[in-house]
ModelCIF file with pLDDT and N, C-alpha, C, O atoms, coordinates in Angstrom:
data_MODEL
#
_entry.id   MODEL 
#
_entity.id                         1 
_entity.type                       polymer 
_entity.pdbx_number_of_molecules   1 
#
_entity_poly.entity_id                      1 
_entity_poly.type                           'polypeptide(L)' 
_entity_poly.nstd_linkage                   no 
_entity_poly.nstd_monomer                   no 
_entity_poly.pdbx_seq_one_letter_code       VPSDANFVLFGRFADASAAWKALLAHDVLVRDVGIPGWLRVTAGTPAE 
_entity_poly.pdbx_seq_one_letter_code_can   VPSDANFVLFGRFADASAAWKALLAHDVLVRDVGIPGWLRVTAGTPAE 
_entity_poly.pdbx_strand_id                 A 
#
loop_
_entity_poly_seq.entity_id 
_entity_poly_seq.num 
_entity_poly_seq.mon_id 
_entity_poly_seq.hetero 
1 1  VAL n 
1 2  PRO n 
1 3  SER n 
1 4  ASP n 
1 5  ALA n 
1 6  ASN n 
1 7  PHE n 
1 8  VAL n 
1 9  LEU n 
1 10 PHE n 
1 11 GLY n 
1 12 ARG n 
1 13 PHE n 
1 14 ALA n 
1 15 ASP n 
1 16 ALA n 
1 17 SER n 
1 18 ALA n 
1 19 ALA n 
1 20 TRP n 
1 21 LYS n 
1 22 ALA n 
1 23 LEU n 
1 24 LEU n 
1 25 ALA n 
1 26 HIS n 
1 27 ASP n 
1 28 VAL n 
1 29 LEU n 
1 30 VAL n 
1 31 ARG n 
1 32 ASP n 
1 33 VAL n 
1 34 GLY n 
1 35 ILE n 
1 36 PRO n 
1 37 GLY n 
1 38 TRP n 
1 39 LEU n 
1 40 ARG n 
1 41 VAL n 
1 42 THR n 
1 43 ALA n 
1 44 GLY n 
1 45 THR n 
1 46 PRO n 
1 47 ALA n 
1 48 GLU n 
#
_struct_asym.id          A 
_struct_asym.entity_id   1 
#
loop_
_ma_qa_metric.id 
_ma_qa_metric.mode 
_ma_qa_metric.name 
_ma_qa_metric.software_group_id 
_ma_qa_metric.type 
1 global pLDDT . pLDDT 
2 local  pLDDT . pLDDT 
#
_ma_qa_metric_global.metric_id      1 
_ma_qa_metric_global.metric_value   97.06 
_ma_qa_metric_global.model_id       1 
_ma_qa_metric_global.ordinal_id     1 
#
loop_
_ma_qa_metric_local.label_asym_id 
_ma_qa_metric_local.label_comp_id 
_ma_qa_metric_local.label_seq_id 
_ma_qa_metric_local.metric_id 
_ma_qa_metric_local.metric_value 
_ma_qa_metric_local.model_id 
_ma_qa_metric_local.ordinal_id 
A VAL 1  2 96.00 1 1  
A PRO 2  2 96.00 1 2  
A SER 3  2 98.00 1 3  
A ASP 4  2 98.00 1 4  
A ALA 5  2 98.00 1 5  
A ASN 6  2 98.00 1 6  
A PHE 7  2 98.00 1 7  
A VAL 8  2 98.00 1 8  
A LEU 9  2 98.00 1 9  
A PHE 10 2 98.00 1 10 
A GLY 11 2 95.00 1 11 
A ARG 12 2 95.00 1 12 
A PHE 13 2 97.00 1 13 
A ALA 14 2 96.00 1 14 
A ASP 15 2 97.00 1 15 
A ALA 16 2 97.00 1 16 
A SER 17 2 97.00 1 17 
A ALA 18 2 97.00 1 18 
A ALA 19 2 98.00 1 19 
A TRP 20 2 97.00 1 20 
A LYS 21 2 97.00 1 21 
A ALA 22 2 98.00 1 22 
A LEU 23 2 98.00 1 23 
A LEU 24 2 97.00 1 24 
A ALA 25 2 97.00 1 25 
A HIS 26 2 97.00 1 26 
A ASP 27 2 97.00 1 27 
A VAL 28 2 97.00 1 28 
A LEU 29 2 97.00 1 29 
A VAL 30 2 97.00 1 30 
A ARG 31 2 97.00 1 31 
A ASP 32 2 96.00 1 32 
A VAL 33 2 95.00 1 33 
A GLY 34 2 94.00 1 34 
A ILE 35 2 96.00 1 35 
A PRO 36 2 97.00 1 36 
A GLY 37 2 97.00 1 37 
A TRP 38 2 98.00 1 38 
A LEU 39 2 98.00 1 39 
A ARG 40 2 98.00 1 40 
A VAL 41 2 98.00 1 41 
A THR 42 2 98.00 1 42 
A ALA 43 2 98.00 1 43 
A GLY 44 2 96.00 1 44 
A THR 45 2 97.00 1 45 
A PRO 46 2 97.00 1 46 
A ALA 47 2 97.00 1 47 
A GLU 48 2 98.00 1 48 
#
loop_
_atom_site.group_PDB 
_atom_site.id 
_atom_site.type_symbol 
_atom_site.label_atom_id 
_atom_site.label_alt_id 
_atom_site.label_comp_id 
_atom_site.label_asym_id 
_atom_site.label_entity_id 
_atom_site.label_seq_id 
_atom_site.pdbx_PDB_ins_code 
_atom_site.Cartn_x 
_atom_site.Cartn_y 
_atom_site.Cartn_z 
_atom_site.occupancy 
_atom_site.B_iso_or_equiv 
_atom_site.pdbx_formal_charge 
_atom_site.auth_seq_id 
_atom_site.auth_comp_id 
_atom_site.auth_asym_id 
_atom_site.auth_atom_id 
_atom_site.pdbx_PDB_model_num 
ATOM 1   N N  . VAL A 1 1  ? 92.594  107.158 102.366 1.00 96.00 ? 1  VAL A N  1 
ATOM 2   C CA . VAL A 1 1  ? 91.336  108.176 102.935 1.00 96.00 ? 1  VAL A CA 1 
ATOM 3   C C  . VAL A 1 1  ? 91.231  107.733 104.258 1.00 96.00 ? 1  VAL A C  1 
ATOM 4   O O  . VAL A 1 1  ? 91.617  106.628 104.640 1.00 96.00 ? 1  VAL A O  1 
ATOM 5   N N  . PRO A 1 2  ? 90.839  108.381 104.788 1.00 96.00 ? 2  PRO A N  1 
ATOM 6   C CA . PRO A 1 2  ? 90.088  108.169 105.988 1.00 96.00 ? 2  PRO A CA 1 
ATOM 7   C C  . PRO A 1 2  ? 89.548  107.120 106.824 1.00 96.00 ? 2  PRO A C  1 
ATOM 8   O O  . PRO A 1 2  ? 88.358  106.809 106.780 1.00 96.00 ? 2  PRO A O  1 
ATOM 9   N N  . SER A 1 3  ? 90.558  106.457 107.735 1.00 98.00 ? 3  SER A N  1 
ATOM 10  C CA . SER A 1 3  ? 90.507  104.661 108.210 1.00 98.00 ? 3  SER A CA 1 
ATOM 11  C C  . SER A 1 3  ? 89.973  105.165 109.646 1.00 98.00 ? 3  SER A C  1 
ATOM 12  O O  . SER A 1 3  ? 90.202  105.963 110.555 1.00 98.00 ? 3  SER A O  1 
ATOM 13  N N  . ASP A 1 4  ? 89.188  104.245 109.258 1.00 98.00 ? 4  ASP A N  1 
ATOM 14  C CA . ASP A 1 4  ? 88.849  103.347 111.340 1.00 98.00 ? 4  ASP A CA 1 
ATOM 15  C C  . ASP A 1 4  ? 89.179  102.129 111.291 1.00 98.00 ? 4  ASP A C  1 
ATOM 16  O O  . ASP A 1 4  ? 88.410  101.353 111.858 1.00 98.00 ? 4  ASP A O  1 
ATOM 17  N N  . ALA A 1 5  ? 90.221  101.639 110.715 1.00 98.00 ? 5  ALA A N  1 
ATOM 18  C CA . ALA A 1 5  ? 90.222  100.245 110.501 1.00 98.00 ? 5  ALA A CA 1 
ATOM 19  C C  . ALA A 1 5  ? 91.792  99.879  111.027 1.00 98.00 ? 5  ALA A C  1 
ATOM 20  O O  . ALA A 1 5  ? 92.440  100.746 111.612 1.00 98.00 ? 5  ALA A O  1 
ATOM 21  N N  . ASN A 1 6  ? 92.228  98.837  110.834 1.00 98.00 ? 6  ASN A N  1 
ATOM 22  C CA . ASN A 1 6  ? 93.222  98.580  110.828 1.00 98.00 ? 6  ASN A CA 1 
ATOM 23  C C  . ASN A 1 6  ? 94.001  98.495  109.613 1.00 98.00 ? 6  ASN A C  1 
ATOM 24  O O  . ASN A 1 6  ? 94.613  97.440  109.449 1.00 98.00 ? 6  ASN A O  1 
ATOM 25  N N  . PHE A 1 7  ? 94.084  99.232  108.888 1.00 98.00 ? 7  PHE A N  1 
ATOM 26  C CA . PHE A 1 7  ? 94.675  99.263  107.159 1.00 98.00 ? 7  PHE A CA 1 
ATOM 27  C C  . PHE A 1 7  ? 94.405  100.722 106.824 1.00 98.00 ? 7  PHE A C  1 
ATOM 28  O O  . PHE A 1 7  ? 93.993  101.510 107.675 1.00 98.00 ? 7  PHE A O  1 
ATOM 29  N N  . VAL A 1 8  ? 94.646  101.058 105.570 1.00 98.00 ? 8  VAL A N  1 
ATOM 30  C CA . VAL A 1 8  ? 94.616  101.931 104.430 1.00 98.00 ? 8  VAL A CA 1 
ATOM 31  C C  . VAL A 1 8  ? 94.590  102.253 103.462 1.00 98.00 ? 8  VAL A C  1 
ATOM 32  O O  . VAL A 1 8  ? 95.611  102.494 102.818 1.00 98.00 ? 8  VAL A O  1 
ATOM 33  N N  . LEU A 1 9  ? 93.375  102.375 103.000 1.00 98.00 ? 9  LEU A N  1 
ATOM 34  C CA . LEU A 1 9  ? 93.311  102.241 101.294 1.00 98.00 ? 9  LEU A CA 1 
ATOM 35  C C  . LEU A 1 9  ? 94.272  104.156 100.338 1.00 98.00 ? 9  LEU A C  1 
ATOM 36  O O  . LEU A 1 9  ? 93.828  105.283 100.558 1.00 98.00 ? 9  LEU A O  1 
ATOM 37  N N  . PHE A 1 10 ? 95.345  103.900 99.533  1.00 98.00 ? 10 PHE A N  1 
ATOM 38  C CA . PHE A 1 10 ? 95.867  104.697 99.387  1.00 98.00 ? 10 PHE A CA 1 
ATOM 39  C C  . PHE A 1 10 ? 96.104  104.693 97.933  1.00 98.00 ? 10 PHE A C  1 
ATOM 40  O O  . PHE A 1 10 ? 95.628  103.677 97.427  1.00 98.00 ? 10 PHE A O  1 
ATOM 41  N N  . GLY A 1 11 ? 96.690  105.495 97.065  1.00 95.00 ? 11 GLY A N  1 
ATOM 42  C CA . GLY A 1 11 ? 96.176  106.299 95.922  1.00 95.00 ? 11 GLY A CA 1 
ATOM 43  C C  . GLY A 1 11 ? 97.182  107.469 95.677  1.00 95.00 ? 11 GLY A C  1 
ATOM 44  O O  . GLY A 1 11 ? 97.999  107.828 96.525  1.00 95.00 ? 11 GLY A O  1 
ATOM 45  N N  . ARG A 1 12 ? 97.047  108.035 94.432  1.00 95.00 ? 12 ARG A N  1 
ATOM 46  C CA . ARG A 1 12 ? 96.739  107.478 93.455  1.00 95.00 ? 12 ARG A CA 1 
ATOM 47  C C  . ARG A 1 12 ? 97.517  107.334 92.429  1.00 95.00 ? 12 ARG A C  1 
ATOM 48  O O  . ARG A 1 12 ? 97.820  108.332 91.776  1.00 95.00 ? 12 ARG A O  1 
ATOM 49  N N  . PHE A 1 13 ? 97.995  106.075 92.081  1.00 97.00 ? 13 PHE A N  1 
ATOM 50  C CA . PHE A 1 13 ? 98.909  105.521 90.599  1.00 97.00 ? 13 PHE A CA 1 
ATOM 51  C C  . PHE A 1 13 ? 98.275  105.309 89.670  1.00 97.00 ? 13 PHE A C  1 
ATOM 52  O O  . PHE A 1 13 ? 97.152  104.809 89.613  1.00 97.00 ? 13 PHE A O  1 
ATOM 53  N N  . ALA A 1 14 ? 99.059  105.737 88.706  1.00 96.00 ? 14 ALA A N  1 
ATOM 54  C CA . ALA A 1 14 ? 98.789  105.494 87.644  1.00 96.00 ? 14 ALA A CA 1 
ATOM 55  C C  . ALA A 1 14 ? 98.298  103.703 86.865  1.00 96.00 ? 14 ALA A C  1 
ATOM 56  O O  . ALA A 1 14 ? 97.507  103.409 85.969  1.00 96.00 ? 14 ALA A O  1 
ATOM 57  N N  . ASP A 1 15 ? 99.021  103.037 87.554  1.00 97.00 ? 15 ASP A N  1 
ATOM 58  C CA . ASP A 1 15 ? 98.432  101.537 87.326  1.00 97.00 ? 15 ASP A CA 1 
ATOM 59  C C  . ASP A 1 15 ? 98.685  101.097 88.832  1.00 97.00 ? 15 ASP A C  1 
ATOM 60  O O  . ASP A 1 15 ? 99.879  101.055 89.131  1.00 97.00 ? 15 ASP A O  1 
ATOM 61  N N  . ALA A 1 16 ? 97.735  100.742 89.894  1.00 97.00 ? 16 ALA A N  1 
ATOM 62  C CA . ALA A 1 16 ? 97.181  99.892  90.493  1.00 97.00 ? 16 ALA A CA 1 
ATOM 63  C C  . ALA A 1 16 ? 98.750  99.159  90.805  1.00 97.00 ? 16 ALA A C  1 
ATOM 64  O O  . ALA A 1 16 ? 99.736  99.431  91.490  1.00 97.00 ? 16 ALA A O  1 
ATOM 65  N N  . SER A 1 17 ? 98.269  97.928  89.737  1.00 97.00 ? 17 SER A N  1 
ATOM 66  C CA . SER A 1 17 ? 98.673  96.746  89.274  1.00 97.00 ? 17 SER A CA 1 
ATOM 67  C C  . SER A 1 17 ? 100.488 96.240  89.290  1.00 97.00 ? 17 SER A C  1 
ATOM 68  O O  . SER A 1 17 ? 101.115 95.246  89.655  1.00 97.00 ? 17 SER A O  1 
ATOM 69  N N  . ALA A 1 18 ? 100.827 97.626  88.646  1.00 97.00 ? 18 ALA A N  1 
ATOM 70  C CA . ALA A 1 18 ? 102.517 97.862  88.368  1.00 97.00 ? 18 ALA A CA 1 
ATOM 71  C C  . ALA A 1 18 ? 102.997 97.935  90.057  1.00 97.00 ? 18 ALA A C  1 
ATOM 72  O O  . ALA A 1 18 ? 103.704 97.180  90.724  1.00 97.00 ? 18 ALA A O  1 
ATOM 73  N N  . ALA A 1 19 ? 102.308 99.130  90.378  1.00 98.00 ? 19 ALA A N  1 
ATOM 74  C CA . ALA A 1 19 ? 103.304 99.308  91.897  1.00 98.00 ? 19 ALA A CA 1 
ATOM 75  C C  . ALA A 1 19 ? 103.167 98.487  92.672  1.00 98.00 ? 19 ALA A C  1 
ATOM 76  O O  . ALA A 1 19 ? 104.028 98.360  93.544  1.00 98.00 ? 19 ALA A O  1 
ATOM 77  N N  . TRP A 1 20 ? 101.868 97.501  92.635  1.00 97.00 ? 20 TRP A N  1 
ATOM 78  C CA . TRP A 1 20 ? 102.008 96.479  93.358  1.00 97.00 ? 20 TRP A CA 1 
ATOM 79  C C  . TRP A 1 20 ? 102.731 95.018  93.368  1.00 97.00 ? 20 TRP A C  1 
ATOM 80  O O  . TRP A 1 20 ? 102.799 94.211  94.295  1.00 97.00 ? 20 TRP A O  1 
ATOM 81  N N  . LYS A 1 21 ? 103.402 94.910  91.655  1.00 97.00 ? 21 LYS A N  1 
ATOM 82  C CA . LYS A 1 21 ? 104.670 94.069  91.702  1.00 97.00 ? 21 LYS A CA 1 
ATOM 83  C C  . LYS A 1 21 ? 105.796 95.050  92.153  1.00 97.00 ? 21 LYS A C  1 
ATOM 84  O O  . LYS A 1 21 ? 106.853 94.534  92.516  1.00 97.00 ? 21 LYS A O  1 
ATOM 85  N N  . ALA A 1 22 ? 105.693 96.301  92.168  1.00 98.00 ? 22 ALA A N  1 
ATOM 86  C CA . ALA A 1 22 ? 106.871 97.236  92.521  1.00 98.00 ? 22 ALA A CA 1 
ATOM 87  C C  . ALA A 1 22 ? 107.425 97.096  94.166  1.00 98.00 ? 22 ALA A C  1 
ATOM 88  O O  . ALA A 1 22 ? 108.608 96.990  94.491  1.00 98.00 ? 22 ALA A O  1 
ATOM 89  N N  . LEU A 1 23 ? 106.624 97.117  94.801  1.00 98.00 ? 23 LEU A N  1 
ATOM 90  C CA . LEU A 1 23 ? 106.122 97.014  96.225  1.00 98.00 ? 23 LEU A CA 1 
ATOM 91  C C  . LEU A 1 23 ? 106.288 95.555  96.799  1.00 98.00 ? 23 LEU A C  1 
ATOM 92  O O  . LEU A 1 23 ? 106.645 95.439  97.971  1.00 98.00 ? 23 LEU A O  1 
ATOM 93  N N  . LEU A 1 24 ? 106.010 94.258  95.910  1.00 97.00 ? 24 LEU A N  1 
ATOM 94  C CA . LEU A 1 24 ? 106.504 93.052  96.134  1.00 97.00 ? 24 LEU A CA 1 
ATOM 95  C C  . LEU A 1 24 ? 107.823 92.786  95.929  1.00 97.00 ? 24 LEU A C  1 
ATOM 96  O O  . LEU A 1 24 ? 108.454 92.157  96.778  1.00 97.00 ? 24 LEU A O  1 
ATOM 97  N N  . ALA A 1 25 ? 108.355 93.190  94.878  1.00 97.00 ? 25 ALA A N  1 
ATOM 98  C CA . ALA A 1 25 ? 109.944 93.082  94.549  1.00 97.00 ? 25 ALA A CA 1 
ATOM 99  C C  . ALA A 1 25 ? 111.140 93.969  95.583  1.00 97.00 ? 25 ALA A C  1 
ATOM 100 O O  . ALA A 1 25 ? 112.362 93.827  95.544  1.00 97.00 ? 25 ALA A O  1 
ATOM 101 N N  . HIS A 1 26 ? 110.434 94.796  96.382  1.00 97.00 ? 26 HIS A N  1 
ATOM 102 C CA . HIS A 1 26 ? 110.691 94.905  98.195  1.00 97.00 ? 26 HIS A CA 1 
ATOM 103 C C  . HIS A 1 26 ? 110.292 94.881  98.812  1.00 97.00 ? 26 HIS A C  1 
ATOM 104 O O  . HIS A 1 26 ? 109.832 95.704  99.603  1.00 97.00 ? 26 HIS A O  1 
ATOM 105 N N  . ASP A 1 27 ? 110.304 93.302  98.643  1.00 97.00 ? 27 ASP A N  1 
ATOM 106 C CA . ASP A 1 27 ? 109.260 92.397  99.358  1.00 97.00 ? 27 ASP A CA 1 
ATOM 107 C C  . ASP A 1 27 ? 108.277 92.780  100.475 1.00 97.00 ? 27 ASP A C  1 
ATOM 108 O O  . ASP A 1 27 ? 108.306 92.074  101.483 1.00 97.00 ? 27 ASP A O  1 
ATOM 109 N N  . VAL A 1 28 ? 107.454 93.753  100.431 1.00 97.00 ? 28 VAL A N  1 
ATOM 110 C CA . VAL A 1 28 ? 106.391 93.916  100.499 1.00 97.00 ? 28 VAL A CA 1 
ATOM 111 C C  . VAL A 1 28 ? 104.858 93.504  100.080 1.00 97.00 ? 28 VAL A C  1 
ATOM 112 O O  . VAL A 1 28 ? 104.459 93.502  98.915  1.00 97.00 ? 28 VAL A O  1 
ATOM 113 N N  . LEU A 1 29 ? 104.224 93.224  100.997 1.00 97.00 ? 29 LEU A N  1 
ATOM 114 C CA . LEU A 1 29 ? 103.186 92.064  99.904  1.00 97.00 ? 29 LEU A CA 1 
ATOM 115 C C  . LEU A 1 29 ? 101.736 92.849  100.633 1.00 97.00 ? 29 LEU A C  1 
ATOM 116 O O  . LEU A 1 29 ? 101.193 92.503  101.682 1.00 97.00 ? 29 LEU A O  1 
ATOM 117 N N  . VAL A 1 30 ? 101.335 93.974  99.735  1.00 97.00 ? 30 VAL A N  1 
ATOM 118 C CA . VAL A 1 30 ? 99.915  94.752  100.472 1.00 97.00 ? 30 VAL A CA 1 
ATOM 119 C C  . VAL A 1 30 ? 99.038  94.521  99.169  1.00 97.00 ? 30 VAL A C  1 
ATOM 120 O O  . VAL A 1 30 ? 99.558  94.025  98.169  1.00 97.00 ? 30 VAL A O  1 
ATOM 121 N N  . ARG A 1 31 ? 97.729  94.881  99.193  1.00 97.00 ? 31 ARG A N  1 
ATOM 122 C CA . ARG A 1 31 ? 96.422  93.772  98.474  1.00 97.00 ? 31 ARG A CA 1 
ATOM 123 C C  . ARG A 1 31 ? 95.927  95.203  97.423  1.00 97.00 ? 31 ARG A C  1 
ATOM 124 O O  . ARG A 1 31 ? 95.463  96.298  97.740  1.00 97.00 ? 31 ARG A O  1 
ATOM 125 N N  . ASP A 1 32 ? 96.271  94.601  96.075  1.00 96.00 ? 32 ASP A N  1 
ATOM 126 C CA . ASP A 1 32 ? 95.623  95.333  95.242  1.00 96.00 ? 32 ASP A CA 1 
ATOM 127 C C  . ASP A 1 32 ? 94.039  94.822  95.363  1.00 96.00 ? 32 ASP A C  1 
ATOM 128 O O  . ASP A 1 32 ? 93.880  93.653  95.011  1.00 96.00 ? 32 ASP A O  1 
ATOM 129 N N  . VAL A 1 33 ? 92.808  95.551  95.825  1.00 95.00 ? 33 VAL A N  1 
ATOM 130 C CA . VAL A 1 33 ? 91.646  95.395  95.686  1.00 95.00 ? 33 VAL A CA 1 
ATOM 131 C C  . VAL A 1 33 ? 90.905  95.541  94.754  1.00 95.00 ? 33 VAL A C  1 
ATOM 132 O O  . VAL A 1 33 ? 89.723  95.709  95.057  1.00 95.00 ? 33 VAL A O  1 
ATOM 133 N N  . GLY A 1 34 ? 91.190  95.541  93.572  1.00 94.00 ? 34 GLY A N  1 
ATOM 134 C CA . GLY A 1 34 ? 91.007  96.057  92.316  1.00 94.00 ? 34 GLY A CA 1 
ATOM 135 C C  . GLY A 1 34 ? 89.618  96.938  91.915  1.00 94.00 ? 34 GLY A C  1 
ATOM 136 O O  . GLY A 1 34 ? 88.583  96.792  91.265  1.00 94.00 ? 34 GLY A O  1 
ATOM 137 N N  . ILE A 1 35 ? 90.624  98.424  93.132  1.00 96.00 ? 35 ILE A N  1 
ATOM 138 C CA . ILE A 1 35 ? 89.859  99.481  92.410  1.00 96.00 ? 35 ILE A CA 1 
ATOM 139 C C  . ILE A 1 35 ? 90.795  100.337 91.398  1.00 96.00 ? 35 ILE A C  1 
ATOM 140 O O  . ILE A 1 35 ? 91.955  100.416 91.801  1.00 96.00 ? 35 ILE A O  1 
ATOM 141 N N  . PRO A 1 36 ? 90.549  100.966 90.222  1.00 97.00 ? 36 PRO A N  1 
ATOM 142 C CA . PRO A 1 36 ? 92.211  101.407 89.788  1.00 97.00 ? 36 PRO A CA 1 
ATOM 143 C C  . PRO A 1 36 ? 92.206  102.586 90.587  1.00 97.00 ? 36 PRO A C  1 
ATOM 144 O O  . PRO A 1 36 ? 91.457  103.298 91.257  1.00 97.00 ? 36 PRO A O  1 
ATOM 145 N N  . GLY A 1 37 ? 93.534  102.451 90.161  1.00 97.00 ? 37 GLY A N  1 
ATOM 146 C CA . GLY A 1 37 ? 94.855  103.777 91.197  1.00 97.00 ? 37 GLY A CA 1 
ATOM 147 C C  . GLY A 1 37 ? 94.340  103.460 92.247  1.00 97.00 ? 37 GLY A C  1 
ATOM 148 O O  . GLY A 1 37 ? 94.210  104.530 92.842  1.00 97.00 ? 37 GLY A O  1 
ATOM 149 N N  . TRP A 1 38 ? 93.736  102.218 93.228  1.00 98.00 ? 38 TRP A N  1 
ATOM 150 C CA . TRP A 1 38 ? 94.718  102.508 94.444  1.00 98.00 ? 38 TRP A CA 1 
ATOM 151 C C  . TRP A 1 38 ? 94.937  100.776 95.050  1.00 98.00 ? 38 TRP A C  1 
ATOM 152 O O  . TRP A 1 38 ? 94.445  99.747  94.588  1.00 98.00 ? 38 TRP A O  1 
ATOM 153 N N  . LEU A 1 39 ? 95.919  100.968 96.314  1.00 98.00 ? 39 LEU A N  1 
ATOM 154 C CA . LEU A 1 39 ? 95.965  99.773  96.939  1.00 98.00 ? 39 LEU A CA 1 
ATOM 155 C C  . LEU A 1 39 ? 95.737  99.503  99.095  1.00 98.00 ? 39 LEU A C  1 
ATOM 156 O O  . LEU A 1 39 ? 95.470  100.408 99.885  1.00 98.00 ? 39 LEU A O  1 
ATOM 157 N N  . ARG A 1 40 ? 95.888  98.505  99.329  1.00 98.00 ? 40 ARG A N  1 
ATOM 158 C CA . ARG A 1 40 ? 95.173  98.634  100.946 1.00 98.00 ? 40 ARG A CA 1 
ATOM 159 C C  . ARG A 1 40 ? 95.925  98.214  101.027 1.00 98.00 ? 40 ARG A C  1 
ATOM 160 O O  . ARG A 1 40 ? 96.239  97.456  100.109 1.00 98.00 ? 40 ARG A O  1 
ATOM 161 N N  . VAL A 1 41 ? 97.103  98.409  102.545 1.00 98.00 ? 41 VAL A N  1 
ATOM 162 C CA . VAL A 1 41 ? 98.212  97.654  103.101 1.00 98.00 ? 41 VAL A CA 1 
ATOM 163 C C  . VAL A 1 41 ? 97.128  97.264  104.586 1.00 98.00 ? 41 VAL A C  1 
ATOM 164 O O  . VAL A 1 41 ? 96.072  97.748  104.993 1.00 98.00 ? 41 VAL A O  1 
ATOM 165 N N  . THR A 1 42 ? 97.672  96.598  104.879 1.00 98.00 ? 42 THR A N  1 
ATOM 166 C CA . THR A 1 42 ? 97.663  96.427  106.705 1.00 98.00 ? 42 THR A CA 1 
ATOM 167 C C  . THR A 1 42 ? 98.254  97.201  107.694 1.00 98.00 ? 42 THR A C  1 
ATOM 168 O O  . THR A 1 42 ? 99.320  97.536  107.177 1.00 98.00 ? 42 THR A O  1 
ATOM 169 N N  . ALA A 1 43 ? 98.211  97.640  108.695 1.00 98.00 ? 43 ALA A N  1 
ATOM 170 C CA . ALA A 1 43 ? 98.552  98.717  109.555 1.00 98.00 ? 43 ALA A CA 1 
ATOM 171 C C  . ALA A 1 43 ? 99.952  97.439  110.593 1.00 98.00 ? 43 ALA A C  1 
ATOM 172 O O  . ALA A 1 43 ? 99.493  96.941  111.621 1.00 98.00 ? 43 ALA A O  1 
ATOM 173 N N  . GLY A 1 44 ? 100.799 97.225  110.387 1.00 96.00 ? 44 GLY A N  1 
ATOM 174 C CA . GLY A 1 44 ? 101.493 96.123  111.248 1.00 96.00 ? 44 GLY A CA 1 
ATOM 175 C C  . GLY A 1 44 ? 101.942 96.821  112.652 1.00 96.00 ? 44 GLY A C  1 
ATOM 176 O O  . GLY A 1 44 ? 101.352 97.651  113.344 1.00 96.00 ? 44 GLY A O  1 
ATOM 177 N N  . THR A 1 45 ? 103.567 95.996  112.865 1.00 97.00 ? 45 THR A N  1 
ATOM 178 C CA . THR A 1 45 ? 104.435 96.796  113.715 1.00 97.00 ? 45 THR A CA 1 
ATOM 179 C C  . THR A 1 45 ? 104.843 97.606  113.588 1.00 97.00 ? 45 THR A C  1 
ATOM 180 O O  . THR A 1 45 ? 104.078 98.097  112.758 1.00 97.00 ? 45 THR A O  1 
ATOM 181 N N  . PRO A 1 46 ? 105.981 98.706  113.847 1.00 97.00 ? 46 PRO A N  1 
ATOM 182 C CA . PRO A 1 46 ? 106.604 99.821  113.728 1.00 97.00 ? 46 PRO A CA 1 
ATOM 183 C C  . PRO A 1 46 ? 107.696 99.120  112.766 1.00 97.00 ? 46 PRO A C  1 
ATOM 184 O O  . PRO A 1 46 ? 108.136 99.774  111.820 1.00 97.00 ? 46 PRO A O  1 
ATOM 185 N N  . ALA A 1 47 ? 108.182 97.670  113.015 1.00 97.00 ? 47 ALA A N  1 
ATOM 186 C CA . ALA A 1 47 ? 109.284 97.427  112.029 1.00 97.00 ? 47 ALA A CA 1 
ATOM 187 C C  . ALA A 1 47 ? 108.691 97.419  110.584 1.00 97.00 ? 47 ALA A C  1 
ATOM 188 O O  . ALA A 1 47 ? 109.083 98.295  109.813 1.00 97.00 ? 47 ALA A O  1 
ATOM 189 N N  . GLU A 1 48 ? 107.766 96.490  110.150 1.00 98.00 ? 48 GLU A N  1 
ATOM 190 C CA . GLU A 1 48 ? 106.636 96.690  109.594 1.00 98.00 ? 48 GLU A CA 1 
ATOM 191 C C  . GLU A 1 48 ? 106.139 97.843  108.564 1.00 98.00 ? 48 GLU A C  1 
ATOM 192 O O  . GLU A 1 48 ? 104.981 97.841  108.147 1.00 98.00 ? 48 GLU A O  1 
#
């Protein structure tokens, strides 16, 4: 979704919760905001 904030809502996933867990397994924590198919990530440092 076009963003004017310091985060991005991104998708679409078949199962957002499963995608969230898969990212966590890669040591990356994003936000499952409860919208089917979508996750939210904060814009961090270049390394992040």
